[in-house]
Structure formats: structure tokens, C-alpha cells
């Protein structure tokens, strides 16, 4: 947007210079030699007196046009950014959306990984008995549980990490510069912090942790974390 505005300013400045040169040339070649000749002397002198004012008016119009267009361009860019942010963030929880996860760059890689540092670790998180929470306490309470869990996770991760609402009650956590030991410690802290007086029902989490090898595909890693998570979930039910 700034680049386009700079180009527009260059074009407007060039047009202003051209108009000013043409006006000045007409004055010195046509009007000025005739100022004190002939019967049109008074009219020509009046026109010559208006010339500086006309140039100043033209400069003011030129400035207003640039400022007006700049305001419009900024408003469009802000609106576009707002809609983009809305699409990339989950409205209920504030975590990143599934769309954010699925965005790819020109080489087909997950775009958000460009800002992350290896080693990467993925954690797929599922809320135990979430359907029971919705059925027993209502969907509003279920929404509070989701928000509460996201808040607990965000309190324990850094700005380089990514928390994504992967599904209804599933969350994908992609950790930057993190190994499995740190991941286990993080999830232990989250487990300890989620069961306070904020929500009516006890909350349990099942999760699978998988550390990516250098250059390993993220989707494949998420699939492995998913298997680990469901293995733990089955063991809980026995």
C-alpha cells in the first residue's frame, strides 16, 4: 500500500510540475511581452497578478488530492486487515483458526512456519468428555470451557508459538525451538491451571506430543501426534 501511495505521489508531483511549467512558459512567452502594449494592457496585468495565486491554488488542490487518496487507501487497507484478522482468528476463543493452519506459501509449505524456529514440536489436544459438558451444562458452559483452556495455554506459551483451533474441541499447538521435555512441562502446567473455579465442571485433556525431525512434513507430524493422543484417550477409558 505504501509503495502504491509513493507511486501516486510521484505521478501527482510530475503532473503539478508539468502544469506549473506550462503556465509559467505561457506567462513569460505570451503575456509578459504584451503587458505594456496595446489596448488589452489592463486585462493582461490583471491576469499576470492572478498567476501566483493560481499556482498556489493548484498546489493546494494537489496536496488535498494526495491526502484524500492516501486516507482512502489507508481506510481500505485497514478494512482489509480487519477482515483478514477475523478470518485467521477463531471468534470464540481467540486462537488461530483452521484457515490459518491451512494457508500455504508458493512452495506449498505452511506459511506460518516461516516465522518459527526449529526444532518444532506439535501437540494435538482434545478435551475429555466435551460432549458430556455440553449436554449436562449447556453450550454456553461449553464455550466457557473452550475459552478457559485457550487462556490457560496462551499463558504458558511464547509469541513464537502457535495455538490453533484445529476442530470443535481439538487444538493444535505448534511450539518453536522446543523439545519433548519442555513440551511435557508446558502441558503439566496447563493441566494444573485449568481446574480452578472459573468453570463449573472438572476438565480433563488428552494430548499427543511429537517432535519434528529436521525438514519433516508438518501434516505428517500432526497425524502422528493424533495417534498418540487417541492412544492416551483409549487408555483413560479402560
C-alpha atoms as a PDB file:
ATOM      1  CA  UNK A   1       0.000   0.000   0.000  1.00  0.00           C
ATOM      2  CA  UNK A   2       2.808   2.448   0.861  1.00  0.00           C
ATOM      3  CA  UNK A   3       4.526   1.606  -2.426  1.00  0.00           C
ATOM      4  CA  UNK A   4       1.375   2.412  -4.409  1.00  0.00           C
ATOM      5  CA  UNK A   5       0.946   5.663  -2.494  1.00  0.00           C
ATOM      6  CA  UNK A   6       4.527   6.639  -3.268  1.00  0.00           C
ATOM      7  CA  UNK A   7       3.927   5.952  -6.969  1.00  0.00           C
ATOM      8  CA  UNK A   8       0.741   8.032  -6.864  1.00  0.00           C
ATOM      9  CA  UNK A   9       2.592  10.918  -5.222  1.00  0.00           C
ATOM     10  CA  UNK A  10       5.292  10.780  -7.898  1.00  0.00           C
ATOM     11  CA  UNK A  11       2.671  10.925 -10.661  1.00  0.00           C
ATOM     12  CA  UNK A  12       0.798  13.796  -8.965  1.00  0.00           C
ATOM     13  CA  UNK A  13       4.039  15.724  -8.380  1.00  0.00           C
ATOM     14  CA  UNK A  14       5.045  15.221 -12.014  1.00  0.00           C
ATOM     15  CA  UNK A  15       1.657  16.462 -13.238  1.00  0.00           C
ATOM     16  CA  UNK A  16       1.898  19.503 -10.987  1.00  0.00           C
ATOM     17  CA  UNK A  17       5.386  20.340 -12.262  1.00  0.00           C
ATOM     18  CA  UNK A  18       4.250  19.964 -15.899  1.00  0.00           C
ATOM     19  CA  UNK A  19       1.210  22.228 -15.363  1.00  0.00           C
ATOM     20  CA  UNK A  20       3.297  24.804 -13.496  1.00  0.00           C
ATOM     21  CA  UNK A  21       5.931  24.814 -16.289  1.00  0.00           C
ATOM     22  CA  UNK A  22       3.297  25.200 -18.991  1.00  0.00           C
ATOM     23  CA  UNK A  23       1.630  28.042 -17.068  1.00  0.00           C
ATOM     24  CA  UNK A  24       4.941  29.799 -16.426  1.00  0.00           C
ATOM     25  CA  UNK A  25       6.043  29.384 -20.031  1.00  0.00           C
ATOM     26  CA  UNK A  26       2.778  30.847 -21.316  1.00  0.00           C
ATOM     27  CA  UNK A  27       3.235  33.812 -18.983  1.00  0.00           C
ATOM     28  CA  UNK A  28       6.783  34.643 -19.994  1.00  0.00           C
ATOM     29  CA  UNK A  29       6.372  33.936 -23.735  1.00  0.00           C
ATOM     30  CA  UNK A  30       2.907  35.297 -24.382  1.00  0.00           C
ATOM     31  CA  UNK A  31       1.626  37.523 -21.577  1.00  0.00           C
ATOM     32  CA  UNK A  32       4.681  39.270 -20.165  1.00  0.00           C
ATOM     33  CA  UNK A  33       5.885  40.778 -23.515  1.00  0.00           C
ATOM     34  CA  UNK A  34       2.443  42.222 -24.101  1.00  0.00           C
ATOM     35  CA  UNK A  35       1.794  43.615 -20.620  1.00  0.00           C
ATOM     36  CA  UNK A  36       2.511  47.197 -21.582  1.00  0.00           C
ATOM     37  CA  UNK A  37       1.327  47.082 -25.182  1.00  0.00           C
ATOM     38  CA  UNK A  38      -1.979  47.521 -26.848  1.00  0.00           C
ATOM     39  CA  UNK A  39      -5.429  48.161 -25.562  1.00  0.00           C
ATOM     40  CA  UNK A  40      -5.598  44.925 -23.512  1.00  0.00           C
ATOM     41  CA  UNK A  41      -2.944  46.140 -21.049  1.00  0.00           C
ATOM     42  CA  UNK A  42      -5.258  46.215 -18.000  1.00  0.00           C
ATOM     43  CA  UNK A  43      -6.670  42.751 -18.696  1.00  0.00           C
ATOM     44  CA  UNK A  44      -3.207  41.290 -19.175  1.00  0.00           C
ATOM     45  CA  UNK A  45      -1.897  42.932 -15.996  1.00  0.00           C
ATOM     46  CA  UNK A  46      -4.863  41.516 -14.062  1.00  0.00           C
ATOM     47  CA  UNK A  47      -4.151  38.053 -15.424  1.00  0.00           C
ATOM     48  CA  UNK A  48      -0.466  38.376 -14.557  1.00  0.00           C
ATOM     49  CA  UNK A  49      -1.404  39.323 -10.998  1.00  0.00           C
ATOM     50  CA  UNK A  50      -3.612  36.254 -10.680  1.00  0.00           C
ATOM     51  CA  UNK A  51      -0.880  33.879 -11.882  1.00  0.00           C
ATOM     52  CA  UNK A  52       0.923  33.397  -8.494  1.00  0.00           C
ATOM     53  CA  UNK A  53      -2.410  32.890  -6.754  1.00  0.00           C
ATOM     54  CA  UNK A  54      -3.453  30.351  -9.401  1.00  0.00           C
ATOM     55  CA  UNK A  55      -0.241  28.392  -8.866  1.00  0.00           C
ATOM     56  CA  UNK A  56      -0.765  28.427  -5.098  1.00  0.00           C
ATOM     57  CA  UNK A  57      -4.356  27.227  -5.555  1.00  0.00           C
ATOM     58  CA  UNK A  58      -3.141  24.462  -7.843  1.00  0.00           C
ATOM     59  CA  UNK A  59      -0.562  23.430  -5.233  1.00  0.00           C
ATOM     60  CA  UNK A  60      -3.249  23.339  -2.524  1.00  0.00           C
ATOM     61  CA  UNK A  61      -5.584  21.214  -4.710  1.00  0.00           C
ATOM     62  CA  UNK A  62      -2.665  18.918  -5.498  1.00  0.00           C
ATOM     63  CA  UNK A  63      -1.910  18.476  -1.783  1.00  0.00           C
ATOM     64  CA  UNK A  64      -5.578  17.856  -0.900  1.00  0.00           C
ATOM     65  CA  UNK A  65      -5.931  15.239  -3.635  1.00  0.00           C
ATOM     66  CA  UNK A  66      -2.891  13.306  -2.400  1.00  0.00           C
ATOM     67  CA  UNK A  67      -4.038  13.452   1.222  1.00  0.00           C
ATOM     68  CA  UNK A  68      -7.569  12.388   0.294  1.00  0.00           C
ATOM     69  CA  UNK A  69      -6.410   9.450  -1.785  1.00  0.00           C
ATOM     70  CA  UNK A  70      -3.938   8.465   0.973  1.00  0.00           C
ATOM     71  CA  UNK A  71      -6.764   8.450   3.544  1.00  0.00           C
ATOM     72  CA  UNK A  72      -8.927   6.297   1.277  1.00  0.00           C
ATOM     73  CA  UNK A  73      -6.088   3.858   0.644  1.00  0.00           C
ATOM     74  CA  UNK A  74      -5.348   3.593   4.381  1.00  0.00           C
ATOM     75  CA  UNK A  75      -9.039   3.008   5.140  1.00  0.00           C
ATOM     76  CA  UNK A  76      -9.237   0.237   2.535  1.00  0.00           C
ATOM     77  CA  UNK A  77      -6.048  -1.364   3.869  1.00  0.00           C
ATOM     78  CA  UNK A  78      -7.287  -1.201   7.480  1.00  0.00           C
ATOM     79  CA  UNK A  79     -10.609  -2.759   6.483  1.00  0.00           C
ATOM     80  CA  UNK A  80      -8.832  -5.493   4.537  1.00  0.00           C
ATOM     81  CA  UNK A  81      -6.549  -6.183   7.512  1.00  0.00           C
ATOM     82  CA  UNK A  82      -9.556  -6.327   9.854  1.00  0.00           C
ATOM     83  CA  UNK A  83     -11.366  -8.889   7.682  1.00  0.00           C
ATOM     84  CA  UNK A  84      -8.165 -10.898   7.266  1.00  0.00           C
ATOM     85  CA  UNK A  85      -7.603 -10.965  11.036  1.00  0.00           C
ATOM     86  CA  UNK A  86     -11.217 -12.035  11.578  1.00  0.00           C
ATOM     87  CA  UNK A  87     -10.774 -14.905   9.134  1.00  0.00           C
ATOM     88  CA  UNK A  88      -7.490 -16.056  10.671  1.00  0.00           C
ATOM     89  CA  UNK A  89      -8.650 -15.923  14.297  1.00  0.00           C
ATOM     90  CA  UNK A  90     -11.295 -18.099  15.933  1.00  0.00           C
ATOM     91  CA  UNK A  91     -14.029 -15.693  17.052  1.00  0.00           C
ATOM     92  CA  UNK A  92     -14.916 -17.646  20.209  1.00  0.00           C
ATOM     93  CA  UNK A  93     -11.519 -18.428  21.694  1.00  0.00           C
ATOM     94  CA  UNK A  94      -9.077 -16.021  20.073  1.00  0.00           C
ATOM     95  CA  UNK A  95      -6.825 -18.887  18.964  1.00  0.00           C
ATOM     96  CA  UNK A  96      -5.784 -19.078  15.323  1.00  0.00           C
ATOM     97  CA  UNK A  97      -8.371 -20.628  13.010  1.00  0.00           C
ATOM     98  CA  UNK A  98      -8.147 -23.757  10.862  1.00  0.00           C
ATOM     99  CA  UNK A  99      -7.857 -21.434   7.845  1.00  0.00           C
ATOM    100  CA  UNK A 100      -4.654 -20.011   9.333  1.00  0.00           C
ATOM    101  CA  UNK A 101      -3.262 -23.542   9.602  1.00  0.00           C
ATOM    102  CA  UNK A 102      -4.174 -24.362   6.007  1.00  0.00           C
ATOM    103  CA  UNK A 103      -2.617 -21.264   4.418  1.00  0.00           C
ATOM    104  CA  UNK A 104       0.342 -22.251   2.229  1.00  0.00           C
ATOM    105  CA  UNK A 105       3.169 -20.328   0.587  1.00  0.00           C
ATOM    106  CA  UNK A 106       4.256 -20.541  -3.057  1.00  0.00           C
ATOM    107  CA  UNK A 107       6.110 -23.824  -2.433  1.00  0.00           C
ATOM    108  CA  UNK A 108       3.096 -25.450  -0.770  1.00  0.00           C
ATOM    109  CA  UNK A 109       4.524 -25.152   2.770  1.00  0.00           C
ATOM    110  CA  UNK A 110       2.566 -23.909   5.765  1.00  0.00           C
ATOM    111  CA  UNK A 111       3.029 -20.135   5.637  1.00  0.00           C
ATOM    112  CA  UNK A 112       3.215 -19.558   9.408  1.00  0.00           C
ATOM    113  CA  UNK A 113       6.236 -21.846   9.742  1.00  0.00           C
ATOM    114  CA  UNK A 114       8.376 -19.163   8.074  1.00  0.00           C
ATOM    115  CA  UNK A 115       8.365 -17.225  11.366  1.00  0.00           C
ATOM    116  CA  UNK A 116       9.166 -20.235  13.571  1.00  0.00           C
ATOM    117  CA  UNK A 117      12.443 -21.798  14.654  1.00  0.00           C
ATOM    118  CA  UNK A 118      13.423 -25.443  14.734  1.00  0.00           C
ATOM    119  CA  UNK A 119      13.238 -27.781  16.486  1.00  0.00           C
ATOM    120  CA  UNK A 120       9.452 -27.747  16.221  1.00  0.00           C
ATOM    121  CA  UNK A 121       7.119 -29.773  18.408  1.00  0.00           C
ATOM    122  CA  UNK A 122       3.423 -30.326  17.764  1.00  0.00           C
ATOM    123  CA  UNK A 123       0.867 -31.102  20.452  1.00  0.00           C
ATOM    124  CA  UNK A 124      -2.630 -32.166  19.475  1.00  0.00           C
ATOM    125  CA  UNK A 125      -5.038 -31.537  22.365  1.00  0.00           C
ATOM    126  CA  UNK A 126      -8.539 -32.894  22.871  1.00  0.00           C
ATOM    127  CA  UNK A 127     -10.958 -32.127  25.730  1.00  0.00           C
ATOM    128  CA  UNK A 128     -12.132 -35.250  27.534  1.00  0.00           C
ATOM    129  CA  UNK A 129     -15.912 -35.664  27.621  1.00  0.00           C
ATOM    130  CA  UNK A 130     -16.664 -32.362  25.931  1.00  0.00           C
ATOM    131  CA  UNK A 131     -19.975 -33.671  24.592  1.00  0.00           C
ATOM    132  CA  UNK A 132     -20.978 -34.557  28.164  1.00  0.00           C
ATOM    133  CA  UNK A 133     -20.118 -30.977  29.260  1.00  0.00           C
ATOM    134  CA  UNK A 134     -22.329 -29.521  26.535  1.00  0.00           C
ATOM    135  CA  UNK A 135     -25.185 -31.952  27.228  1.00  0.00           C
ATOM    136  CA  UNK A 136     -25.054 -31.569  31.021  1.00  0.00           C
ATOM    137  CA  UNK A 137     -24.240 -27.893  31.485  1.00  0.00           C
ATOM    138  CA  UNK A 138     -25.269 -26.338  28.154  1.00  0.00           C
ATOM    139  CA  UNK A 139     -23.347 -24.931  25.226  1.00  0.00           C
ATOM    140  CA  UNK A 140     -22.639 -21.638  26.957  1.00  0.00           C
ATOM    141  CA  UNK A 141     -20.709 -23.511  29.620  1.00  0.00           C
ATOM    142  CA  UNK A 142     -19.004 -25.491  26.863  1.00  0.00           C
ATOM    143  CA  UNK A 143     -17.927 -22.206  25.261  1.00  0.00           C
ATOM    144  CA  UNK A 144     -16.521 -21.053  28.609  1.00  0.00           C
ATOM    145  CA  UNK A 145     -14.515 -24.264  28.877  1.00  0.00           C
ATOM    146  CA  UNK A 146     -13.014 -23.705  25.422  1.00  0.00           C
ATOM    147  CA  UNK A 147     -12.125 -20.108  26.263  1.00  0.00           C
ATOM    148  CA  UNK A 148     -10.705 -21.132  29.631  1.00  0.00           C
ATOM    149  CA  UNK A 149      -8.440 -23.782  28.097  1.00  0.00           C
ATOM    150  CA  UNK A 150      -7.172 -21.415  25.398  1.00  0.00           C
ATOM    151  CA  UNK A 151      -6.400 -18.798  28.038  1.00  0.00           C
ATOM    152  CA  UNK A 152      -4.518 -21.364  30.145  1.00  0.00           C
ATOM    153  CA  UNK A 153      -2.433 -22.455  27.164  1.00  0.00           C
ATOM    154  CA  UNK A 154      -1.685 -18.919  25.994  1.00  0.00           C
ATOM    155  CA  UNK A 155      -0.458 -18.029  29.480  1.00  0.00           C
ATOM    156  CA  UNK A 156       2.243 -20.695  29.139  1.00  0.00           C
ATOM    157  CA  UNK A 157       3.490 -20.249  25.565  1.00  0.00           C
ATOM    158  CA  UNK A 158       5.617 -17.597  23.861  1.00  0.00           C
ATOM    159  CA  UNK A 159       4.819 -15.246  20.991  1.00  0.00           C
ATOM    160  CA  UNK A 160       6.793 -17.543  18.672  1.00  0.00           C
ATOM    161  CA  UNK A 161       4.404 -20.443  19.306  1.00  0.00           C
ATOM    162  CA  UNK A 162       1.094 -21.012  17.510  1.00  0.00           C
ATOM    163  CA  UNK A 163      -2.159 -22.173  19.093  1.00  0.00           C
ATOM    164  CA  UNK A 164      -4.734 -23.232  16.510  1.00  0.00           C
ATOM    165  CA  UNK A 165      -8.323 -24.357  16.980  1.00  0.00           C
ATOM    166  CA  UNK A 166      -7.983 -27.473  14.866  1.00  0.00           C
ATOM    167  CA  UNK A 167     -11.538 -28.743  15.270  1.00  0.00           C
ATOM    168  CA  UNK A 168     -14.552 -28.339  17.547  1.00  0.00           C
ATOM    169  CA  UNK A 169     -12.823 -29.230  20.824  1.00  0.00           C
ATOM    170  CA  UNK A 170      -9.399 -30.036  19.371  1.00  0.00           C
ATOM    171  CA  UNK A 171      -6.468 -27.661  19.472  1.00  0.00           C
ATOM    172  CA  UNK A 172      -3.137 -27.851  17.705  1.00  0.00           C
ATOM    173  CA  UNK A 173      -0.160 -26.320  19.441  1.00  0.00           C
ATOM    174  CA  UNK A 174       2.982 -25.773  17.351  1.00  0.00           C
ATOM    175  CA  UNK A 175       5.941 -24.907  19.552  1.00  0.00           C
ATOM    176  CA  UNK A 176       9.016 -23.098  18.266  1.00  0.00           C
ATOM    177  CA  UNK A 177      12.508 -24.095  19.471  1.00  0.00           C
ATOM    178  CA  UNK A 178      11.054 -26.720  21.773  1.00  0.00           C
ATOM    179  CA  UNK A 179      11.831 -30.354  22.569  1.00  0.00           C
ATOM    180  CA  UNK A 180       9.591 -33.012  24.154  1.00  0.00           C
ATOM    181  CA  UNK A 181      10.824 -32.345  27.705  1.00  0.00           C
ATOM    182  CA  UNK A 182       9.777 -28.696  27.525  1.00  0.00           C
ATOM    183  CA  UNK A 183       6.501 -29.738  25.900  1.00  0.00           C
ATOM    184  CA  UNK A 184       5.714 -32.154  28.741  1.00  0.00           C
ATOM    185  CA  UNK A 185       6.489 -29.448  31.303  1.00  0.00           C
ATOM    186  CA  UNK A 186       4.230 -26.972  29.493  1.00  0.00           C
ATOM    187  CA  UNK A 187       1.276 -29.366  29.371  1.00  0.00           C
ATOM    188  CA  UNK A 188       1.762 -30.234  33.049  1.00  0.00           C
ATOM    189  CA  UNK A 189       1.407 -26.532  33.868  1.00  0.00           C
ATOM    190  CA  UNK A 190      -1.696 -26.283  31.679  1.00  0.00           C
ATOM    191  CA  UNK A 191      -3.254 -29.342  33.371  1.00  0.00           C
ATOM    192  CA  UNK A 192      -2.652 -27.778  36.773  1.00  0.00           C
ATOM    193  CA  UNK A 193      -4.103 -24.401  35.837  1.00  0.00           C
ATOM    194  CA  UNK A 194      -7.333 -25.380  34.043  1.00  0.00           C
ATOM    195  CA  UNK A 195      -9.198 -26.792  37.050  1.00  0.00           C
ATOM    196  CA  UNK A 196      -9.936 -23.715  39.094  1.00  0.00           C
ATOM    197  CA  UNK A 197     -13.218 -22.002  39.949  1.00  0.00           C
ATOM    198  CA  UNK A 198     -13.654 -20.418  36.521  1.00  0.00           C
ATOM    199  CA  UNK A 199     -15.828 -23.239  35.145  1.00  0.00           C
ATOM    200  CA  UNK A 200     -18.447 -25.495  36.768  1.00  0.00           C
ATOM    201  CA  UNK A 201     -17.089 -28.871  35.715  1.00  0.00           C
ATOM    202  CA  UNK A 202     -13.712 -30.615  36.108  1.00  0.00           C
ATOM    203  CA  UNK A 203     -11.735 -30.557  32.851  1.00  0.00           C
ATOM    204  CA  UNK A 204      -9.507 -33.291  31.517  1.00  0.00           C
ATOM    205  CA  UNK A 205      -7.222 -33.123  28.496  1.00  0.00           C
ATOM    206  CA  UNK A 206      -5.793 -35.820  26.281  1.00  0.00           C
ATOM    207  CA  UNK A 207      -2.858 -34.844  24.126  1.00  0.00           C
ATOM    208  CA  UNK A 208      -0.215 -36.265  21.864  1.00  0.00           C
ATOM    209  CA  UNK A 209       3.258 -34.738  21.654  1.00  0.00           C
ATOM    210  CA  UNK A 210       5.500 -35.252  18.651  1.00  0.00           C
ATOM    211  CA  UNK A 211       8.831 -33.579  17.910  1.00  0.00           C
ATOM    212  CA  UNK A 212       9.551 -32.997  14.221  1.00  0.00           C
ATOM    213  CA  UNK A 213      12.781 -34.128  12.642  1.00  0.00           C
ATOM    214  CA  UNK A 214      14.595 -31.544  10.527  1.00  0.00           C
ATOM    215  CA  UNK A 215      12.580 -30.929   7.361  1.00  0.00           C
ATOM    216  CA  UNK A 216       9.771 -33.289   8.370  1.00  0.00           C
ATOM    217  CA  UNK A 217       6.326 -32.596   6.940  1.00  0.00           C
ATOM    218  CA  UNK A 218       4.034 -30.818   9.421  1.00  0.00           C
ATOM    219  CA  UNK A 219       0.860 -32.636   8.361  1.00  0.00           C
ATOM    220  CA  UNK A 220       2.560 -35.998   8.840  1.00  0.00           C
ATOM    221  CA  UNK A 221       3.742 -34.891  12.283  1.00  0.00           C
ATOM    222  CA  UNK A 222       0.203 -33.806  13.239  1.00  0.00           C
ATOM    223  CA  UNK A 223      -1.038 -37.227  12.149  1.00  0.00           C
ATOM    224  CA  UNK A 224       1.491 -38.927  14.456  1.00  0.00           C
ATOM    225  CA  UNK A 225       0.552 -36.641  17.362  1.00  0.00           C
ATOM    226  CA  UNK A 226      -3.088 -37.509  16.687  1.00  0.00           C
ATOM    227  CA  UNK A 227      -2.386 -41.249  17.032  1.00  0.00           C
ATOM    228  CA  UNK A 228      -0.504 -40.690  20.296  1.00  0.00           C
ATOM    229  CA  UNK A 229      -3.379 -38.595  21.645  1.00  0.00           C
ATOM    230  CA  UNK A 230      -6.061 -41.177  20.850  1.00  0.00           C
ATOM    231  CA  UNK A 231      -3.948 -43.963  22.339  1.00  0.00           C
ATOM    232  CA  UNK A 232      -3.890 -41.996  25.625  1.00  0.00           C
ATOM    233  CA  UNK A 233      -7.615 -41.323  25.331  1.00  0.00           C
ATOM    234  CA  UNK A 234      -8.385 -45.043  24.971  1.00  0.00           C
ATOM    235  CA  UNK A 235      -6.196 -45.883  27.957  1.00  0.00           C
ATOM    236  CA  UNK A 236      -8.162 -43.408  30.107  1.00  0.00           C
ATOM    237  CA  UNK A 237     -11.414 -45.187  29.308  1.00  0.00           C
ATOM    238  CA  UNK A 238     -10.168 -48.608  30.475  1.00  0.00           C
END
